[in-house]
Amino acid sequence: MDKICIILEEENPNQQEKIKIRADLLNKYFPKDYTLKQKRELIEQLVKGWYGKQGVSE
């Protein structure tokens, strides 16, 4: 029974927490010709920059 509980509590790749933001809330901040990939990359860059300014090391 303990082994079953351990297996069930393991985090699987498809169970990782996700953040979803509706595109219509963000589209006004991007040029019209930006692709979804460009938007994702820019958001990631901005979050990394913000994180770096917090003075927290990874």
N, C-alpha and C. Protein backbone atom coordinates (compact mmCIF):
# COMPACT_ATOMS: atom_id res chain seq x y z
N MET A 1 0.84 -1.19 0.00
CA MET A 1 0.00 0.00 0.00
C MET A 1 0.88 1.25 0.00
N ASP A 2 1.97 1.25 0.77
CA ASP A 2 2.87 2.41 0.81
C ASP A 2 3.49 2.66 -0.56
N LYS A 3 3.85 1.59 -1.23
CA LYS A 3 4.46 1.72 -2.56
C LYS A 3 3.47 2.33 -3.56
N ILE A 4 2.22 1.93 -3.47
CA ILE A 4 1.18 2.48 -4.35
C ILE A 4 1.03 3.98 -4.10
N CYS A 5 1.02 4.38 -2.84
CA CYS A 5 0.90 5.81 -2.51
C CYS A 5 2.08 6.61 -3.05
N ILE A 6 3.27 6.07 -2.93
CA ILE A 6 4.46 6.76 -3.45
C ILE A 6 4.36 6.95 -4.95
N ILE A 7 3.96 5.90 -5.66
CA ILE A 7 3.83 5.99 -7.12
C ILE A 7 2.76 7.00 -7.51
N LEU A 8 1.65 7.00 -6.84
CA LEU A 8 0.56 7.92 -7.17
C LEU A 8 0.91 9.38 -6.87
N GLU A 9 1.80 9.62 -5.91
CA GLU A 9 2.18 10.98 -5.54
C GLU A 9 3.27 11.56 -6.43
N GLU A 10 3.93 10.72 -7.24
CA GLU A 10 4.98 11.21 -8.13
C GLU A 10 4.40 12.15 -9.17
N GLU A 11 5.18 13.22 -9.47
CA GLU A 11 4.74 14.17 -10.49
C GLU A 11 5.20 13.67 -11.85
N ASN A 12 4.26 13.56 -12.75
CA ASN A 12 4.57 13.15 -14.11
C ASN A 12 4.67 14.39 -15.00
N PRO A 13 5.43 14.32 -16.11
CA PRO A 13 5.60 15.48 -16.98
C PRO A 13 4.28 16.08 -17.46
N ASN A 14 3.29 15.25 -17.71
CA ASN A 14 2.02 15.76 -18.20
C ASN A 14 1.14 16.33 -17.08
N GLN A 15 1.63 16.27 -15.84
CA GLN A 15 0.87 16.79 -14.71
C GLN A 15 1.48 18.07 -14.15
N GLN A 16 2.44 18.64 -14.85
CA GLN A 16 3.06 19.86 -14.36
C GLN A 16 2.07 21.01 -14.40
N GLU A 17 2.21 21.89 -13.43
CA GLU A 17 1.34 23.04 -13.34
C GLU A 17 1.57 23.96 -14.54
N LYS A 18 0.49 24.53 -15.06
CA LYS A 18 0.58 25.41 -16.22
C LYS A 18 -0.10 26.73 -15.90
N ILE A 19 0.38 27.76 -16.56
CA ILE A 19 -0.25 29.07 -16.45
C ILE A 19 -0.86 29.38 -17.81
N LYS A 20 -2.11 29.75 -17.82
CA LYS A 20 -2.78 30.09 -19.07
C LYS A 20 -3.25 31.54 -18.99
N ILE A 21 -2.95 32.28 -20.04
CA ILE A 21 -3.40 33.66 -20.15
C ILE A 21 -4.09 33.80 -21.50
N ARG A 22 -5.28 34.30 -21.50
CA ARG A 22 -6.01 34.45 -22.76
C ARG A 22 -5.26 35.40 -23.69
N ALA A 23 -5.14 35.01 -24.93
CA ALA A 23 -4.41 35.79 -25.93
C ALA A 23 -5.02 37.18 -26.11
N ASP A 24 -6.33 37.28 -26.04
CA ASP A 24 -6.95 38.59 -26.26
C ASP A 24 -6.56 39.61 -25.19
N LEU A 25 -6.13 39.14 -24.02
CA LEU A 25 -5.69 40.06 -22.98
C LEU A 25 -4.29 40.60 -23.26
N LEU A 26 -3.49 39.84 -24.02
CA LEU A 26 -2.11 40.23 -24.28
C LEU A 26 -1.88 40.81 -25.68
N ASN A 27 -2.76 40.52 -26.61
CA ASN A 27 -2.53 40.91 -28.01
C ASN A 27 -2.29 42.41 -28.19
N LYS A 28 -2.89 43.23 -27.38
CA LYS A 28 -2.73 44.68 -27.53
C LYS A 28 -1.30 45.13 -27.24
N TYR A 29 -0.49 44.28 -26.61
CA TYR A 29 0.88 44.64 -26.26
C TYR A 29 1.91 44.17 -27.29
N PHE A 30 1.48 43.45 -28.30
CA PHE A 30 2.38 42.91 -29.31
C PHE A 30 2.08 43.50 -30.68
N PRO A 31 3.11 43.62 -31.52
CA PRO A 31 2.85 44.01 -32.91
C PRO A 31 1.92 42.98 -33.57
N LYS A 32 1.12 43.42 -34.50
CA LYS A 32 0.13 42.56 -35.15
C LYS A 32 0.77 41.36 -35.85
N ASP A 33 2.00 41.52 -36.34
CA ASP A 33 2.63 40.45 -37.11
C ASP A 33 3.43 39.47 -36.26
N TYR A 34 3.40 39.59 -34.94
CA TYR A 34 4.14 38.66 -34.08
C TYR A 34 3.47 37.29 -34.11
N THR A 35 4.29 36.25 -34.23
CA THR A 35 3.78 34.89 -34.17
C THR A 35 3.63 34.47 -32.71
N LEU A 36 2.95 33.36 -32.51
CA LEU A 36 2.79 32.83 -31.15
C LEU A 36 4.16 32.52 -30.55
N LYS A 37 5.06 31.98 -31.35
CA LYS A 37 6.40 31.67 -30.87
C LYS A 37 7.13 32.93 -30.43
N GLN A 38 7.04 34.00 -31.20
CA GLN A 38 7.69 35.26 -30.85
C GLN A 38 7.12 35.82 -29.55
N LYS A 39 5.82 35.69 -29.38
CA LYS A 39 5.19 36.18 -28.16
C LYS A 39 5.69 35.40 -26.94
N ARG A 40 5.73 34.08 -27.06
CA ARG A 40 6.21 33.24 -25.96
C ARG A 40 7.65 33.59 -25.60
N GLU A 41 8.49 33.73 -26.63
CA GLU A 41 9.91 34.04 -26.39
C GLU A 41 10.07 35.38 -25.69
N LEU A 42 9.31 36.37 -26.12
CA LEU A 42 9.40 37.69 -25.51
C LEU A 42 8.91 37.66 -24.06
N ILE A 43 7.82 36.96 -23.82
CA ILE A 43 7.32 36.85 -22.45
C ILE A 43 8.36 36.17 -21.56
N GLU A 44 8.99 35.12 -22.07
CA GLU A 44 10.01 34.44 -21.29
C GLU A 44 11.20 35.36 -21.01
N GLN A 45 11.64 36.13 -22.00
CA GLN A 45 12.74 37.08 -21.81
C GLN A 45 12.37 38.11 -20.74
N LEU A 46 11.17 38.63 -20.82
CA LEU A 46 10.75 39.65 -19.86
C LEU A 46 10.69 39.10 -18.44
N VAL A 47 10.19 37.89 -18.29
CA VAL A 47 10.11 37.28 -16.96
C VAL A 47 11.52 37.01 -16.43
N LYS A 48 12.41 36.52 -17.28
CA LYS A 48 13.80 36.29 -16.86
C LYS A 48 14.46 37.59 -16.44
N GLY A 49 14.23 38.66 -17.18
CA GLY A 49 14.79 39.96 -16.83
C GLY A 49 14.26 40.46 -15.50
N TRP A 50 12.96 40.31 -15.31
CA TRP A 50 12.34 40.71 -14.04
C TRP A 50 12.93 39.90 -12.90
N TYR A 51 13.07 38.60 -13.10
CA TYR A 51 13.60 37.72 -12.08
C TYR A 51 15.02 38.11 -11.71
N GLY A 52 15.82 38.43 -12.71
CA GLY A 52 17.21 38.85 -12.47
C GLY A 52 17.28 40.12 -11.65
N LYS A 53 16.33 41.01 -11.83
CA LYS A 53 16.32 42.27 -11.08
C LYS A 53 15.91 42.07 -9.63
N GLN A 54 15.32 40.91 -9.32
CA GLN A 54 14.87 40.64 -7.96
C GLN A 54 16.03 40.29 -7.04
N GLY A 55 17.21 40.02 -7.62
CA GLY A 55 18.38 39.70 -6.82
C GLY A 55 18.38 38.28 -6.30
N VAL A 56 17.60 37.42 -6.91
CA VAL A 56 17.52 36.02 -6.50
C VAL A 56 18.35 35.21 -7.48
N SER A 57 19.24 34.37 -6.95
CA SER A 57 20.01 33.51 -7.85
C SER A 57 19.28 32.21 -8.08
N GLU A 58 19.46 31.64 -9.26
CA GLU A 58 18.74 30.40 -9.62
C GLU A 58 19.28 29.22 -8.89
